[in-house]
Amino acid sequence: MKTRFKLIFGFSVIILLFLLEGYLNITNINKLHTSFNLLDEETIPVVHSLQDIKISSLKVVASTMEVAFMEIGNGVNLTEEKEKINQGKTDFEGAFLRYGILVETYFPDETEVKSEIKERWDILTDISDEIVSLKEKGITDKGIIESKDKLEEAEENLLESIDEALQDEEEETKTRGVAVEKIVKNSLINTLIFMFVTIIFSLLIGIIVSKSISKPLKRLVYTTNEVGKGNLDIKTEIKSKDEFGELSSNFDKMTEDLKKSMISINELDKNVKERTKKLQSKNEEMEQFNKLAVGRELKMIELKKNIKELEEKLQNK
C-alpha cells in the first residue's frame, strides 16, 4: 500500500470513529428530545387537565356550599352562585374533554379512571343541582343538611379519583424522568468509551503508519552507509509495495550495477597492470639490447682506431 494511502486510511478510520460517535450522540439527543416531547405533549397536558378538573370541581362545591348556607330570599347572591356553579361545570366539561382525548390517545390503560371521574362528577353535580333546587324552593331543614353531607362525600370521592389519576401521572413522570436520566447516563458512557477507543485507535494507527515509514527509512540509511563503506553485497531487504519498496528495488539495482562496474574496473585495472608489466619487460629487453649494441659499437670504434694506428706505424717504417 502506498504511503499516502496508509495515511489516508488511518485518517479515514479516525474520522469514521468520530462520525460514529457523533451519530450515537445525535441518536441519544433524539431520544432525549422524544422523551421531553412525550412529557410536554402527553404527561404534562394530562396533569394540567386533571388540575383544571379538580379546580372546577372545587369551585362547584364551594358555590354549592354557599347556596346551602345562604339565607332564603337573597335572590341576588343565589343567582351569582348559580352562575359560578354553571361556569364551574363548563370549565369542568372543557378540561374533562381535553383529559379524555389525551387518555384515549396516549394512555388507554387509564380509561377506567377517566370513567370513574366522570361518574363521580355526575353524582356531585346531581347533588349540587338538588341543593340549588331545594334552596330555590325555600327548603332549609333536614333535606338541605342531608344533601350537604352527600355533597361532601361526593366531593371526597371525586377528589380521590382525581388524586389517583394525578398520582398515576406523577408515576408516569418519574418513569419517564428515569428514562431520560438513563439516556443521559448512557450517552455520557458511550461518549467516554468512544473517546477512549478513538484515542487508542489513533495511537495504534499512528504507531503502525510511523513504523511503516521509519523502519524502511532506517534500513535505507544503514544500507547507504554500508555501500559508502564499499560493501556492495548488502541488500535493503524491503519488500513493501509502497514508495519505499520501489526506492529499495531501485537502490538494490543501482548497487548491483555499481558492483558490476567495480568488477569491470578491477578487471580492466588487472589487464592494464598485466600489459604494463609486459611492456616494462619489453622495455627492459630493449634497454639490454641497446646496451649490448652500444657496447659493440664502442668496441668497433676502438678496434677501428687501433687498426688505423697500426697502419700509420707500418707506413712510417
Foldseek 3Di string as FASTA:
>chain_A
DALVVLVVVLVVVLVVLVVVLVVLLVVLVVVLVVLVCCCVVALVLLLVLLVQLLVLLVQLLVLLVCLLPPDQPPVVSLVVSVVSNVVSVVSNVVSLVSNVVSCVVPNVVCVVLSVQLVVLVVQLVVLSVVSSVCSNVVHNPPVSVVSNVSNVVSSVSNVVSSVVVSVVSVVVVVVSVVVNVVSVVVSVVSSVVSVVVSVVSSVVSVVVSVCVVVVLVVLVVVVVVCVVVVPLVDASPDCDPYPSNVVRVVVNVVSVVVVVVVVVVVVVVVVVVVVVVVVVVVVVVVVVVVVVVVVVVVVVVVVVVVVVVVVVVVVVD
